[in-house]
């Protein structure tokens, strides 16, 4: 599966996703690091990637056509808790379910929306 991780996603998650066979775009340490959200969104859509982020601002894109958005919103986020919630979501939804799906992972619950 093609995935883009926002800069706030732990490196351990990037490694685990790659280890399990995913094509993961991580712009940290590249010329694109720090790019505005609108440009990141355009790139994710052009490359047909699932976006994984902790930035709730991408939630407003839920009614647009997209290839999947996973937002992690925790009260006291740390590398381990973010990683765990991402991996839970990735194990719960298949590659074919992600297009048009927005998943918000919170501490205990998850919310989902499907593009109309």
C-alpha atoms as a PDB file:
ATOM      1  CA  UNK A   1       0.000   0.000   0.000  1.00  0.00           C
ATOM      2  CA  UNK A   2       1.195   3.521  -0.744  1.00  0.00           C
ATOM      3  CA  UNK A   3       1.367   5.666   2.402  1.00  0.00           C
ATOM      4  CA  UNK A   4       2.588   9.149   3.286  1.00  0.00           C
ATOM      5  CA  UNK A   5       3.451   9.852   6.916  1.00  0.00           C
ATOM      6  CA  UNK A   6       3.357  13.411   8.153  1.00  0.00           C
ATOM      7  CA  UNK A   7       6.448  14.677   9.972  1.00  0.00           C
ATOM      8  CA  UNK A   8       4.878  14.047  13.383  1.00  0.00           C
ATOM      9  CA  UNK A   9       4.694  10.252  12.952  1.00  0.00           C
ATOM     10  CA  UNK A  10       7.350   8.237  14.831  1.00  0.00           C
ATOM     11  CA  UNK A  11      10.250   6.800  12.836  1.00  0.00           C
ATOM     12  CA  UNK A  12       9.563   3.412  14.448  1.00  0.00           C
ATOM     13  CA  UNK A  13       6.172   3.459  12.706  1.00  0.00           C
ATOM     14  CA  UNK A  14       7.778   4.240   9.347  1.00  0.00           C
ATOM     15  CA  UNK A  15      10.159   1.291   9.795  1.00  0.00           C
ATOM     16  CA  UNK A  16       7.357  -1.065  10.830  1.00  0.00           C
ATOM     17  CA  UNK A  17       5.149  -0.074   7.900  1.00  0.00           C
ATOM     18  CA  UNK A  18       8.034  -0.591   5.481  1.00  0.00           C
ATOM     19  CA  UNK A  19       8.925  -3.902   7.128  1.00  0.00           C
ATOM     20  CA  UNK A  20       5.383  -5.110   6.480  1.00  0.00           C
ATOM     21  CA  UNK A  21       5.660  -4.267   2.780  1.00  0.00           C
ATOM     22  CA  UNK A  22       4.195  -0.799   2.475  1.00  0.00           C
ATOM     23  CA  UNK A  23       5.617   1.915   0.207  1.00  0.00           C
ATOM     24  CA  UNK A  24       6.065   4.727   2.759  1.00  0.00           C
ATOM     25  CA  UNK A  25       6.851   8.317   1.813  1.00  0.00           C
ATOM     26  CA  UNK A  26       8.474  10.171   4.726  1.00  0.00           C
ATOM     27  CA  UNK A  27       9.520  13.721   3.838  1.00  0.00           C
ATOM     28  CA  UNK A  28      11.606  14.270   6.972  1.00  0.00           C
ATOM     29  CA  UNK A  29      15.167  15.165   6.085  1.00  0.00           C
ATOM     30  CA  UNK A  30      14.264  16.023   2.480  1.00  0.00           C
ATOM     31  CA  UNK A  31      13.829  19.337   0.693  1.00  0.00           C
ATOM     32  CA  UNK A  32      10.059  18.909   1.177  1.00  0.00           C
ATOM     33  CA  UNK A  33      10.250  18.848   4.977  1.00  0.00           C
ATOM     34  CA  UNK A  34       8.038  21.570   6.420  1.00  0.00           C
ATOM     35  CA  UNK A  35       5.941  21.928   3.272  1.00  0.00           C
ATOM     36  CA  UNK A  36       2.521  23.541   3.801  1.00  0.00           C
ATOM     37  CA  UNK A  37      -0.392  21.182   4.400  1.00  0.00           C
ATOM     38  CA  UNK A  38      -2.057  22.124   1.087  1.00  0.00           C
ATOM     39  CA  UNK A  39       1.042  21.104  -0.866  1.00  0.00           C
ATOM     40  CA  UNK A  40       1.406  17.895   1.134  1.00  0.00           C
ATOM     41  CA  UNK A  41      -2.263  17.096   0.464  1.00  0.00           C
ATOM     42  CA  UNK A  42      -1.806  17.712  -3.274  1.00  0.00           C
ATOM     43  CA  UNK A  43       1.206  15.404  -3.363  1.00  0.00           C
ATOM     44  CA  UNK A  44      -0.580  12.671  -1.422  1.00  0.00           C
ATOM     45  CA  UNK A  45      -3.504  12.824  -3.847  1.00  0.00           C
ATOM     46  CA  UNK A  46      -1.285  12.875  -6.945  1.00  0.00           C
ATOM     47  CA  UNK A  47       0.623   9.826  -5.707  1.00  0.00           C
ATOM     48  CA  UNK A  48      -2.582   8.089  -4.483  1.00  0.00           C
ATOM     49  CA  UNK A  49      -1.339   7.580  -0.914  1.00  0.00           C
ATOM     50  CA  UNK A  50      -3.016   7.049   2.441  1.00  0.00           C
ATOM     51  CA  UNK A  51      -2.085  10.004   4.688  1.00  0.00           C
ATOM     52  CA  UNK A  52      -1.132   9.269   8.306  1.00  0.00           C
ATOM     53  CA  UNK A  53      -0.902  12.314  10.581  1.00  0.00           C
ATOM     54  CA  UNK A  54      -1.606  13.760  14.019  1.00  0.00           C
ATOM     55  CA  UNK A  55      -2.768  17.025  12.407  1.00  0.00           C
ATOM     56  CA  UNK A  56      -6.530  17.297  12.921  1.00  0.00           C
ATOM     57  CA  UNK A  57      -6.660  19.921  10.171  1.00  0.00           C
ATOM     58  CA  UNK A  58      -6.761  17.175   7.551  1.00  0.00           C
ATOM     59  CA  UNK A  59     -10.123  16.032   8.921  1.00  0.00           C
ATOM     60  CA  UNK A  60     -11.853  18.811   7.007  1.00  0.00           C
ATOM     61  CA  UNK A  61     -10.903  16.963   3.807  1.00  0.00           C
ATOM     62  CA  UNK A  62     -13.225  14.074   4.685  1.00  0.00           C
ATOM     63  CA  UNK A  63     -15.866  15.022   2.095  1.00  0.00           C
ATOM     64  CA  UNK A  64     -13.310  15.225  -0.734  1.00  0.00           C
ATOM     65  CA  UNK A  65     -12.263  12.237  -2.814  1.00  0.00           C
ATOM     66  CA  UNK A  66      -9.060  10.842  -1.304  1.00  0.00           C
ATOM     67  CA  UNK A  67      -7.064   7.650  -0.774  1.00  0.00           C
ATOM     68  CA  UNK A  68      -7.515   7.506   2.986  1.00  0.00           C
ATOM     69  CA  UNK A  69      -6.712   9.663   5.995  1.00  0.00           C
ATOM     70  CA  UNK A  70      -5.629   8.330   9.382  1.00  0.00           C
ATOM     71  CA  UNK A  71      -5.489  10.955  12.142  1.00  0.00           C
ATOM     72  CA  UNK A  72      -4.166  10.090  15.606  1.00  0.00           C
ATOM     73  CA  UNK A  73      -5.514  12.421  18.322  1.00  0.00           C
ATOM     74  CA  UNK A  74      -4.359  11.453  21.812  1.00  0.00           C
ATOM     75  CA  UNK A  75      -4.602  13.431  25.061  1.00  0.00           C
ATOM     76  CA  UNK A  76      -0.977  12.771  25.995  1.00  0.00           C
ATOM     77  CA  UNK A  77       0.694  11.572  22.809  1.00  0.00           C
ATOM     78  CA  UNK A  78       4.097   9.951  22.850  1.00  0.00           C
ATOM     79  CA  UNK A  79       5.998   7.900  20.314  1.00  0.00           C
ATOM     80  CA  UNK A  80       4.792   4.552  21.651  1.00  0.00           C
ATOM     81  CA  UNK A  81       1.104   5.476  21.951  1.00  0.00           C
ATOM     82  CA  UNK A  82       1.001   7.059  18.489  1.00  0.00           C
ATOM     83  CA  UNK A  83       2.723   4.005  17.010  1.00  0.00           C
ATOM     84  CA  UNK A  84       0.312   1.599  18.728  1.00  0.00           C
ATOM     85  CA  UNK A  85      -2.813   3.421  17.536  1.00  0.00           C
ATOM     86  CA  UNK A  86      -1.522   3.609  13.958  1.00  0.00           C
ATOM     87  CA  UNK A  87      -0.699  -0.084  13.873  1.00  0.00           C
ATOM     88  CA  UNK A  88      -4.117  -0.942  15.327  1.00  0.00           C
ATOM     89  CA  UNK A  89      -5.825   1.004  12.548  1.00  0.00           C
ATOM     90  CA  UNK A  90      -3.593  -0.492   9.861  1.00  0.00           C
ATOM     91  CA  UNK A  91      -4.393  -3.995  11.123  1.00  0.00           C
ATOM     92  CA  UNK A  92      -8.125  -3.249  11.367  1.00  0.00           C
ATOM     93  CA  UNK A  93      -8.707  -1.885   7.852  1.00  0.00           C
ATOM     94  CA  UNK A  94      -7.622  -3.598   4.653  1.00  0.00           C
ATOM     95  CA  UNK A  95      -5.858  -1.798   1.819  1.00  0.00           C
ATOM     96  CA  UNK A  96      -9.099  -1.840  -0.188  1.00  0.00           C
ATOM     97  CA  UNK A  97     -11.087  -0.142   2.602  1.00  0.00           C
ATOM     98  CA  UNK A  98      -8.877   2.972   2.896  1.00  0.00           C
ATOM     99  CA  UNK A  99      -9.856   4.955  -0.245  1.00  0.00           C
ATOM    100  CA  UNK A 100     -12.452   7.518   0.860  1.00  0.00           C
ATOM    101  CA  UNK A 101     -12.102   6.540   4.543  1.00  0.00           C
ATOM    102  CA  UNK A 102     -11.180   8.963   7.348  1.00  0.00           C
ATOM    103  CA  UNK A 103     -10.247   7.285  10.627  1.00  0.00           C
ATOM    104  CA  UNK A 104      -9.585   9.290  13.779  1.00  0.00           C
ATOM    105  CA  UNK A 105      -7.882   7.212  16.468  1.00  0.00           C
ATOM    106  CA  UNK A 106      -8.318   8.595  19.965  1.00  0.00           C
ATOM    107  CA  UNK A 107      -7.115   7.186  23.287  1.00  0.00           C
ATOM    108  CA  UNK A 108      -9.866   4.599  23.618  1.00  0.00           C
ATOM    109  CA  UNK A 109     -12.227   4.979  20.655  1.00  0.00           C
ATOM    110  CA  UNK A 110     -11.984   5.420  16.937  1.00  0.00           C
ATOM    111  CA  UNK A 111     -14.292   7.349  14.637  1.00  0.00           C
ATOM    112  CA  UNK A 112     -14.723   6.694  10.940  1.00  0.00           C
ATOM    113  CA  UNK A 113     -16.242   8.619   8.053  1.00  0.00           C
ATOM    114  CA  UNK A 114     -16.670   7.509   4.475  1.00  0.00           C
ATOM    115  CA  UNK A 115     -16.620   9.981   1.580  1.00  0.00           C
ATOM    116  CA  UNK A 116     -20.133  10.170   0.084  1.00  0.00           C
END
